[in-house]
Amino acid sequence: MIHYSCDMCKRPISIDAENRYVVKIEVAQAIEDSQAVDDNTTDDIDHLEEIQDLLQQIDEHDGLLLDDGVARSLKCDLCEECCKRFLKNPLGLKPSKQLNFSNN
């Protein structure tokens, strides 16, 4: 039997008695339009050769390239309460101090 626990509060999640929520986050380097390859020039590129070169570099560096500028995906399980808190503040930012002004 598969057991789930909330990745925020570490409490076990009973899938029979409560809802389990999955948060998927993908982080990748943004490529601006000026950096993108023009569609007309892609005909001259040998994509298989580029893939082979990249795989060879990864083998030579024992996977160190995976930590530098490559997309990452994260998956987290949340209980219902933690999901509500996550949706209110997904980036975990500290709330800024609100100033209350009088109606003068």
C-alpha atoms as a PDB file:
ATOM      1  CA  MET A   1       0.000   0.000   0.000  1.00  0.00           C
ATOM      2  CA  ILE A   2       1.306   3.452  -0.902  1.00  0.00           C
ATOM      3  CA  HIS A   3       1.604   5.957   1.945  1.00  0.00           C
ATOM      4  CA  TYR A   4       1.667   9.709   1.358  1.00  0.00           C
ATOM      5  CA  SER A   5       2.804  12.511   3.639  1.00  0.00           C
ATOM      6  CA  CYS A   6       2.535  16.264   3.234  1.00  0.00           C
ATOM      7  CA  ASP A   7       5.829  17.751   2.082  1.00  0.00           C
ATOM      8  CA  MET A   8       5.149  20.954   4.056  1.00  0.00           C
ATOM      9  CA  CYS A   9       3.902  19.788   7.458  1.00  0.00           C
ATOM     10  CA  LYS A  10       5.174  16.170   7.206  1.00  0.00           C
ATOM     11  CA  ARG A  11       1.801  14.841   8.409  1.00  0.00           C
ATOM     12  CA  PRO A  12       0.645  11.524   6.896  1.00  0.00           C
ATOM     13  CA  ILE A  13      -2.154  11.939   4.340  1.00  0.00           C
ATOM     14  CA  SER A  14      -4.888   9.328   4.459  1.00  0.00           C
ATOM     15  CA  ILE A  15      -6.115   9.059   0.878  1.00  0.00           C
ATOM     16  CA  ASP A  16      -9.282   7.317   2.090  1.00  0.00           C
ATOM     17  CA  ALA A  17     -10.303  10.142   4.444  1.00  0.00           C
ATOM     18  CA  GLU A  18      -8.949  13.353   2.876  1.00  0.00           C
ATOM     19  CA  ASN A  19      -7.835  14.971  -0.351  1.00  0.00           C
ATOM     20  CA  ARG A  20      -4.209  14.935  -1.441  1.00  0.00           C
ATOM     21  CA  TYR A  21      -2.939  17.740  -3.658  1.00  0.00           C
ATOM     22  CA  VAL A  22       0.034  17.582  -6.001  1.00  0.00           C
ATOM     23  CA  VAL A  23       2.065  20.698  -6.774  1.00  0.00           C
ATOM     24  CA  LYS A  24       4.269  20.520  -9.866  1.00  0.00           C
ATOM     25  CA  ILE A  25       6.884  23.209 -10.367  1.00  0.00           C
ATOM     26  CA  GLU A  26       9.109  23.540 -13.412  1.00  0.00           C
ATOM     27  CA  VAL A  27      12.062  25.907 -13.471  1.00  0.00           C
ATOM     28  CA  ALA A  28      13.858  26.643 -16.739  1.00  0.00           C
ATOM     29  CA  GLN A  29      16.078  29.351 -18.105  1.00  0.00           C
ATOM     30  CA  ALA A  30      14.112  31.955 -20.053  1.00  0.00           C
ATOM     31  CA  ILE A  31      15.179  32.334 -23.659  1.00  0.00           C
ATOM     32  CA  GLU A  32      14.407  35.720 -25.115  1.00  0.00           C
ATOM     33  CA  ASP A  33      13.247  36.110 -28.720  1.00  0.00           C
ATOM     34  CA  SER A  34      16.594  37.643 -29.671  1.00  0.00           C
ATOM     35  CA  GLN A  35      18.390  34.490 -28.475  1.00  0.00           C
ATOM     36  CA  ALA A  36      16.039  32.067 -30.213  1.00  0.00           C
ATOM     37  CA  VAL A  37      17.197  30.407 -33.409  1.00  0.00           C
ATOM     38  CA  ASP A  38      15.537  31.674 -36.593  1.00  0.00           C
ATOM     39  CA  ASP A  39      13.334  28.996 -38.204  1.00  0.00           C
ATOM     40  CA  ASN A  40      15.009  29.567 -41.598  1.00  0.00           C
ATOM     41  CA  THR A  41      18.467  28.624 -40.272  1.00  0.00           C
ATOM     42  CA  THR A  42      17.423  25.377 -38.550  1.00  0.00           C
ATOM     43  CA  ASP A  43      17.584  23.456 -41.838  1.00  0.00           C
ATOM     44  CA  ASP A  44      21.409  23.549 -41.742  1.00  0.00           C
ATOM     45  CA  ILE A  45      21.706  22.212 -38.181  1.00  0.00           C
ATOM     46  CA  ASP A  46      22.393  18.528 -37.546  1.00  0.00           C
ATOM     47  CA  HIS A  47      20.305  17.985 -34.407  1.00  0.00           C
ATOM     48  CA  LEU A  48      21.446  14.398 -33.898  1.00  0.00           C
ATOM     49  CA  GLU A  49      25.073  15.508 -33.879  1.00  0.00           C
ATOM     50  CA  GLU A  50      24.271  18.250 -31.333  1.00  0.00           C
ATOM     51  CA  ILE A  51      22.516  15.722 -29.083  1.00  0.00           C
ATOM     52  CA  GLN A  52      25.463  13.341 -29.358  1.00  0.00           C
ATOM     53  CA  ASP A  53      27.890  16.148 -28.410  1.00  0.00           C
ATOM     54  CA  LEU A  54      25.743  17.102 -25.422  1.00  0.00           C
ATOM     55  CA  LEU A  55      25.519  13.497 -24.177  1.00  0.00           C
ATOM     56  CA  GLN A  56      29.273  13.127 -24.563  1.00  0.00           C
ATOM     57  CA  GLN A  57      29.862  16.304 -22.505  1.00  0.00           C
ATOM     58  CA  ILE A  58      27.575  15.020 -19.767  1.00  0.00           C
ATOM     59  CA  ASP A  59      29.460  11.709 -19.656  1.00  0.00           C
ATOM     60  CA  GLU A  60      32.814  13.503 -19.492  1.00  0.00           C
ATOM     61  CA  HIS A  61      31.717  15.755 -16.624  1.00  0.00           C
ATOM     62  CA  ASP A  62      29.874  13.027 -14.657  1.00  0.00           C
ATOM     63  CA  GLY A  63      26.562  14.890 -14.896  1.00  0.00           C
ATOM     64  CA  LEU A  64      27.855  18.197 -13.505  1.00  0.00           C
ATOM     65  CA  LEU A  65      26.210  20.055 -16.389  1.00  0.00           C
ATOM     66  CA  LEU A  66      22.787  19.122 -15.052  1.00  0.00           C
ATOM     67  CA  ASP A  67      23.177  21.640 -12.214  1.00  0.00           C
ATOM     68  CA  ASP A  68      23.928  24.597 -14.465  1.00  0.00           C
ATOM     69  CA  GLY A  69      21.079  26.166 -16.443  1.00  0.00           C
ATOM     70  CA  VAL A  70      19.078  23.028 -17.178  1.00  0.00           C
ATOM     71  CA  ALA A  71      15.348  22.816 -16.488  1.00  0.00           C
ATOM     72  CA  ARG A  72      14.265  21.260 -13.196  1.00  0.00           C
ATOM     73  CA  SER A  73      10.933  19.765 -12.233  1.00  0.00           C
ATOM     74  CA  LEU A  74       9.702  19.380  -8.672  1.00  0.00           C
ATOM     75  CA  LYS A  75       6.678  17.498  -7.427  1.00  0.00           C
ATOM     76  CA  CYS A  76       5.246  17.897  -3.917  1.00  0.00           C
ATOM     77  CA  ASP A  77       2.321  16.282  -2.114  1.00  0.00           C
ATOM     78  CA  LEU A  78       0.270  18.586   0.105  1.00  0.00           C
ATOM     79  CA  CYS A  79      -2.567  18.072   2.564  1.00  0.00           C
ATOM     80  CA  GLU A  80      -5.642  20.271   2.189  1.00  0.00           C
ATOM     81  CA  GLU A  81      -4.588  22.837   4.823  1.00  0.00           C
ATOM     82  CA  CYS A  82      -1.074  23.242   3.412  1.00  0.00           C
ATOM     83  CA  CYS A  83      -2.499  23.509  -0.111  1.00  0.00           C
ATOM     84  CA  LYS A  84      -4.675  26.437   0.997  1.00  0.00           C
ATOM     85  CA  ARG A  85      -1.636  28.143   2.563  1.00  0.00           C
ATOM     86  CA  PHE A  86       0.441  27.460  -0.558  1.00  0.00           C
ATOM     87  CA  LEU A  87      -2.183  28.957  -2.867  1.00  0.00           C
ATOM     88  CA  LYS A  88      -2.348  32.131  -0.760  1.00  0.00           C
ATOM     89  CA  ASN A  89       1.416  32.642  -0.991  1.00  0.00           C
ATOM     90  CA  PRO A  90       3.021  30.296  -3.576  1.00  0.00           C
ATOM     91  CA  LEU A  91       6.435  31.977  -3.477  1.00  0.00           C
ATOM     92  CA  GLY A  92       6.593  32.038   0.315  1.00  0.00           C
ATOM     93  CA  LEU A  93       7.127  35.791   0.420  1.00  0.00           C
ATOM     94  CA  LYS A  94       7.008  37.500   3.775  1.00  0.00           C
ATOM     95  CA  PRO A  95       4.060  39.877   3.911  1.00  0.00           C
ATOM     96  CA  SER A  96       5.051  43.512   3.702  1.00  0.00           C
ATOM     97  CA  LYS A  97       4.073  45.769   6.554  1.00  0.00           C
ATOM     98  CA  GLN A  98       0.776  47.491   5.783  1.00  0.00           C
ATOM     99  CA  LEU A  99       0.514  51.163   6.661  1.00  0.00           C
ATOM    100  CA  ASN A 100      -2.876  52.418   7.805  1.00  0.00           C
ATOM    101  CA  PHE A 101      -3.501  56.052   6.952  1.00  0.00           C
ATOM    102  CA  SER A 102      -6.253  58.131   8.483  1.00  0.00           C
ATOM    103  CA  ASN A 103      -9.018  59.586   6.327  1.00  0.00           C
ATOM    104  CA  ASN A 104      -7.935  63.236   6.885  1.00  0.00           C
END
